[in-house]
Amino acid sequence: MSPASAEKVRVLCCGIFGRELGSIDPGLRDRIEPEFLDSMLHMRPALLDERLGGRLDSGDSSRTLVIYGDCCPHMREFCSGAGRARTYGINCIEISLGSERYRELRRRGAFFLMAEWLGRWKEIFAFELGLSDPELARTFMQDSASSLVYVDTGCVPVPVAALEEVATYLGLPYVVETCGLGNIEKAIAEALERLGDDA
């Protein structure tokens, strides 16, 4: 192992993966130093652009891994410089499920939820999406989705009560899609390889 690869890689990551990065394989987890940004920034791409760009420009790490999808206007430019890499995936769901399964469920009209967002679903729908009226929320969501899909990475027990609450509010059925951490670990490991981290 070279001196460079012995140092932990700085990671800038969406807060939606906070539990997951604490639960990934220890051999992989010990190679990274995560910094998390609020997942609600996903709802404001311009602000995420500003915050992520600022974080990337701060610190003295020569290698930075970004664990995000295409969530802000300059994401690809941010991650294209020397010593930077990003996990593959258009969003956190594709990173978690893998491309094939993600696309299959999208074709079926899935609206995805992960544990961190499910815990904040009222904030998301009532304030971020402006769907504080249940009737309006049901009409809007039923026009755009056929079901709710909870992405279960295995880091917390499936929050059945919260799933039932949001499903009732939106008038949509829900299913649990169990995926574990394998795809996330694979995405991180491949991105580290692109940084030249051969640990």
Protein backbone atom coordinates (compact mmCIF):
# COMPACT_ATOMS: atom_id res chain seq x y z
CA MET A 1 0.00 0.00 0.00
CA SER A 2 1.39 3.38 -0.98
CA PRO A 3 1.50 6.29 1.53
CA ALA A 4 -1.20 8.08 -0.46
CA SER A 5 -3.57 5.12 -0.41
CA ALA A 6 -3.01 4.67 3.36
CA GLU A 7 -4.70 8.01 3.97
CA LYS A 8 -8.46 8.13 4.26
CA VAL A 9 -10.32 9.51 1.28
CA ARG A 10 -12.50 12.52 1.96
CA VAL A 11 -16.13 11.80 1.09
CA LEU A 12 -18.87 14.35 0.45
CA CYS A 13 -22.18 12.56 0.66
CA CYS A 14 -25.90 13.21 0.68
CA GLY A 15 -27.29 12.81 4.19
CA ILE A 16 -29.75 10.23 2.87
CA PHE A 17 -26.86 7.73 3.10
CA GLY A 18 -25.88 8.56 6.68
CA ARG A 19 -26.99 5.23 8.13
CA GLU A 20 -25.67 3.29 5.16
CA LEU A 21 -22.13 4.67 5.34
CA GLY A 22 -22.07 3.79 9.03
CA SER A 23 -23.06 0.21 8.20
CA ILE A 24 -21.01 -0.69 5.12
CA ASP A 25 -18.27 -3.29 5.27
CA PRO A 26 -15.65 -2.17 7.85
CA GLY A 27 -12.81 -2.71 5.39
CA LEU A 28 -14.42 -0.18 3.07
CA ARG A 29 -15.67 2.17 5.78
CA ASP A 30 -12.17 2.49 7.24
CA ARG A 31 -10.87 3.88 3.94
CA ILE A 32 -13.14 6.93 3.92
CA GLU A 33 -13.84 10.06 5.98
CA PRO A 34 -17.46 11.09 5.29
CA GLU A 35 -18.96 14.58 5.46
CA PHE A 36 -22.74 14.75 5.03
CA LEU A 37 -24.94 17.44 3.50
CA ASP A 38 -28.63 17.77 4.33
CA SER A 39 -30.70 15.55 2.03
CA MET A 40 -33.29 18.31 1.68
CA LEU A 41 -30.81 20.18 -0.52
CA HIS A 42 -31.89 17.72 -3.19
CA MET A 43 -35.12 19.72 -3.38
CA ARG A 44 -33.17 22.92 -4.13
CA PRO A 45 -30.58 22.06 -6.81
CA ALA A 46 -29.14 25.59 -7.04
CA LEU A 47 -28.50 25.69 -3.29
CA LEU A 48 -26.99 22.20 -3.38
CA ASP A 49 -24.75 23.44 -6.19
CA GLU A 50 -23.56 26.29 -3.97
CA ARG A 51 -23.07 24.20 -0.84
CA LEU A 52 -21.37 21.27 -2.54
CA GLY A 53 -19.11 23.52 -4.58
CA GLY A 54 -18.11 25.33 -1.40
CA ARG A 55 -17.32 22.08 0.38
CA LEU A 56 -15.28 20.80 -2.53
CA ASP A 57 -13.23 23.99 -2.54
CA SER A 58 -12.57 23.74 1.21
CA GLY A 59 -10.24 21.34 2.98
CA ASP A 60 -6.81 20.16 1.95
CA SER A 61 -7.53 16.61 0.82
CA SER A 62 -5.96 15.72 -2.52
CA ARG A 63 -8.59 13.03 -3.13
CA THR A 64 -12.34 13.46 -2.75
CA LEU A 65 -15.13 11.00 -3.43
CA VAL A 66 -18.62 12.42 -4.01
CA ILE A 67 -21.56 10.12 -3.25
CA TYR A 68 -24.41 11.79 -5.10
CA GLY A 69 -26.51 11.37 -8.20
CA ASP A 70 -27.00 14.05 -10.85
CA CYS A 71 -28.66 16.26 -8.24
CA CYS A 72 -27.42 19.75 -9.09
CA PRO A 73 -26.49 21.70 -12.23
CA HIS A 74 -22.70 21.47 -11.94
CA MET A 75 -22.36 18.01 -10.40
CA ARG A 76 -20.43 16.54 -13.32
CA GLU A 77 -18.08 19.53 -13.56
CA PHE A 78 -17.49 19.42 -9.79
CA CYS A 79 -16.40 15.80 -9.97
CA SER A 80 -14.35 15.81 -13.16
CA GLY A 81 -11.16 17.37 -11.82
CA ALA A 82 -7.98 15.60 -10.77
CA GLY A 83 -8.28 13.77 -7.48
CA ARG A 84 -12.09 13.64 -7.65
CA ALA A 85 -14.52 10.85 -8.43
CA ARG A 86 -18.24 10.27 -8.06
CA THR A 87 -20.32 7.16 -7.62
CA TYR A 88 -22.19 6.09 -10.74
CA GLY A 89 -25.96 6.54 -10.66
CA ILE A 90 -28.48 9.17 -11.65
CA ASN A 91 -29.75 9.41 -8.05
CA CYS A 92 -29.52 7.78 -4.63
CA ILE A 93 -32.08 5.13 -5.57
CA GLU A 94 -30.11 3.93 -8.58
CA ILE A 95 -26.96 3.85 -6.44
CA SER A 96 -28.84 1.71 -3.90
CA LEU A 97 -30.73 -0.62 -6.25
CA GLY A 98 -28.43 -0.83 -9.23
CA SER A 99 -29.36 0.46 -12.68
CA GLU A 100 -31.37 -2.48 -13.94
CA ARG A 101 -33.71 -2.80 -10.95
CA TYR A 102 -34.09 0.96 -10.61
CA ARG A 103 -35.14 1.33 -14.25
CA GLU A 104 -37.53 -1.58 -14.01
CA LEU A 105 -39.33 -0.08 -11.01
CA ARG A 106 -39.37 3.39 -12.58
CA ARG A 107 -41.10 1.95 -15.65
CA ARG A 108 -43.76 0.58 -13.31
CA GLY A 109 -44.40 4.06 -11.92
CA ALA A 110 -42.64 3.76 -8.57
CA PHE A 111 -42.19 6.72 -6.24
CA PHE A 112 -39.22 5.86 -4.03
CA LEU A 113 -38.62 6.46 -0.34
CA MET A 114 -35.58 5.69 1.77
CA ALA A 115 -35.40 5.64 5.56
CA GLU A 116 -34.05 9.16 5.98
CA TRP A 117 -36.71 10.68 3.73
CA LEU A 118 -39.51 8.56 5.12
CA GLY A 119 -38.80 10.02 8.54
CA ARG A 120 -39.32 13.48 7.01
CA TRP A 121 -42.16 12.70 4.64
CA LYS A 122 -44.48 15.39 6.00
CA GLU A 123 -41.78 18.01 5.47
CA ILE A 124 -41.20 16.75 1.94
CA PHE A 125 -44.80 16.63 0.78
CA ALA A 126 -46.34 19.49 2.76
CA PHE A 127 -43.53 22.05 2.52
CA GLU A 128 -41.05 21.05 -0.16
CA LEU A 129 -43.64 19.86 -2.70
CA GLY A 130 -46.48 22.13 -1.55
CA LEU A 131 -48.89 19.22 -1.05
CA SER A 132 -50.23 20.08 2.40
CA ASP A 133 -53.83 19.40 1.33
CA PRO A 134 -54.41 15.61 1.39
CA GLU A 135 -56.86 15.67 -1.51
CA LEU A 136 -54.46 17.63 -3.70
CA ALA A 137 -51.62 15.34 -2.64
CA ARG A 138 -53.58 12.23 -3.60
CA THR A 139 -54.62 13.67 -6.96
CA PHE A 140 -51.10 14.78 -7.83
CA MET A 141 -49.36 11.59 -6.72
CA GLN A 142 -51.90 9.21 -8.26
CA ASP A 143 -51.45 11.01 -11.57
CA SER A 144 -47.68 10.60 -11.46
CA ALA A 145 -47.05 7.31 -9.62
CA SER A 146 -48.60 3.86 -9.28
CA SER A 147 -47.04 2.88 -5.96
CA LEU A 148 -44.65 3.83 -3.21
CA VAL A 149 -41.48 1.76 -3.05
CA TYR A 150 -39.54 1.79 0.22
CA VAL A 151 -35.89 0.98 -0.44
CA ASP A 152 -34.73 -1.21 2.43
CA THR A 153 -30.95 -1.23 2.79
CA GLY A 154 -31.22 -3.19 6.03
CA CYS A 155 -29.76 -0.46 8.21
CA VAL A 156 -32.95 0.12 10.22
CA PRO A 157 -36.09 -1.96 10.78
CA VAL A 158 -38.69 -1.30 8.10
CA PRO A 159 -40.82 1.60 9.48
CA VAL A 160 -44.18 0.01 8.74
CA ALA A 161 -46.26 2.53 10.69
CA ALA A 162 -44.75 5.48 8.78
CA LEU A 163 -45.19 3.67 5.47
CA GLU A 164 -48.85 3.03 6.20
CA GLU A 165 -49.33 6.67 7.20
CA VAL A 166 -47.81 8.12 4.03
CA ALA A 167 -49.55 5.53 1.84
CA THR A 168 -52.90 6.53 3.33
CA TYR A 169 -52.13 10.23 2.92
CA LEU A 170 -51.26 9.77 -0.76
CA GLY A 171 -53.78 7.06 -1.55
CA LEU A 172 -51.12 4.76 -3.00
CA PRO A 173 -50.13 1.19 -2.18
CA TYR A 174 -46.63 0.57 -0.92
CA VAL A 175 -44.12 -2.23 -1.28
CA VAL A 176 -40.79 -2.87 0.40
CA GLU A 177 -37.84 -3.41 -1.94
CA THR A 178 -35.05 -5.12 0.00
CA CYS A 179 -31.63 -4.47 -1.52
CA GLY A 180 -29.07 -4.52 1.29
CA LEU A 181 -25.83 -2.59 0.99
CA GLY A 182 -24.17 -4.49 -1.83
CA ASN A 183 -24.82 -1.97 -4.61
CA ILE A 184 -23.78 0.98 -2.46
CA GLU A 185 -20.57 -0.78 -1.45
CA LYS A 186 -19.86 -1.66 -5.07
CA ALA A 187 -20.42 1.94 -6.19
CA ILE A 188 -18.06 3.25 -3.51
CA ALA A 189 -15.38 0.64 -4.20
CA GLU A 190 -15.44 1.36 -7.94
CA ALA A 191 -15.21 5.11 -7.34
CA LEU A 192 -12.24 4.59 -5.01
CA GLU A 193 -10.54 2.58 -7.75
CA ARG A 194 -11.02 5.50 -10.13
CA LEU A 195 -9.24 7.67 -7.57
CA GLY A 196 -6.33 5.27 -7.65
CA ASP A 197 -7.02 3.90 -4.17
CA ASP A 198 -5.80 0.33 -4.31
CA ALA A 199 -6.18 -0.40 -0.59
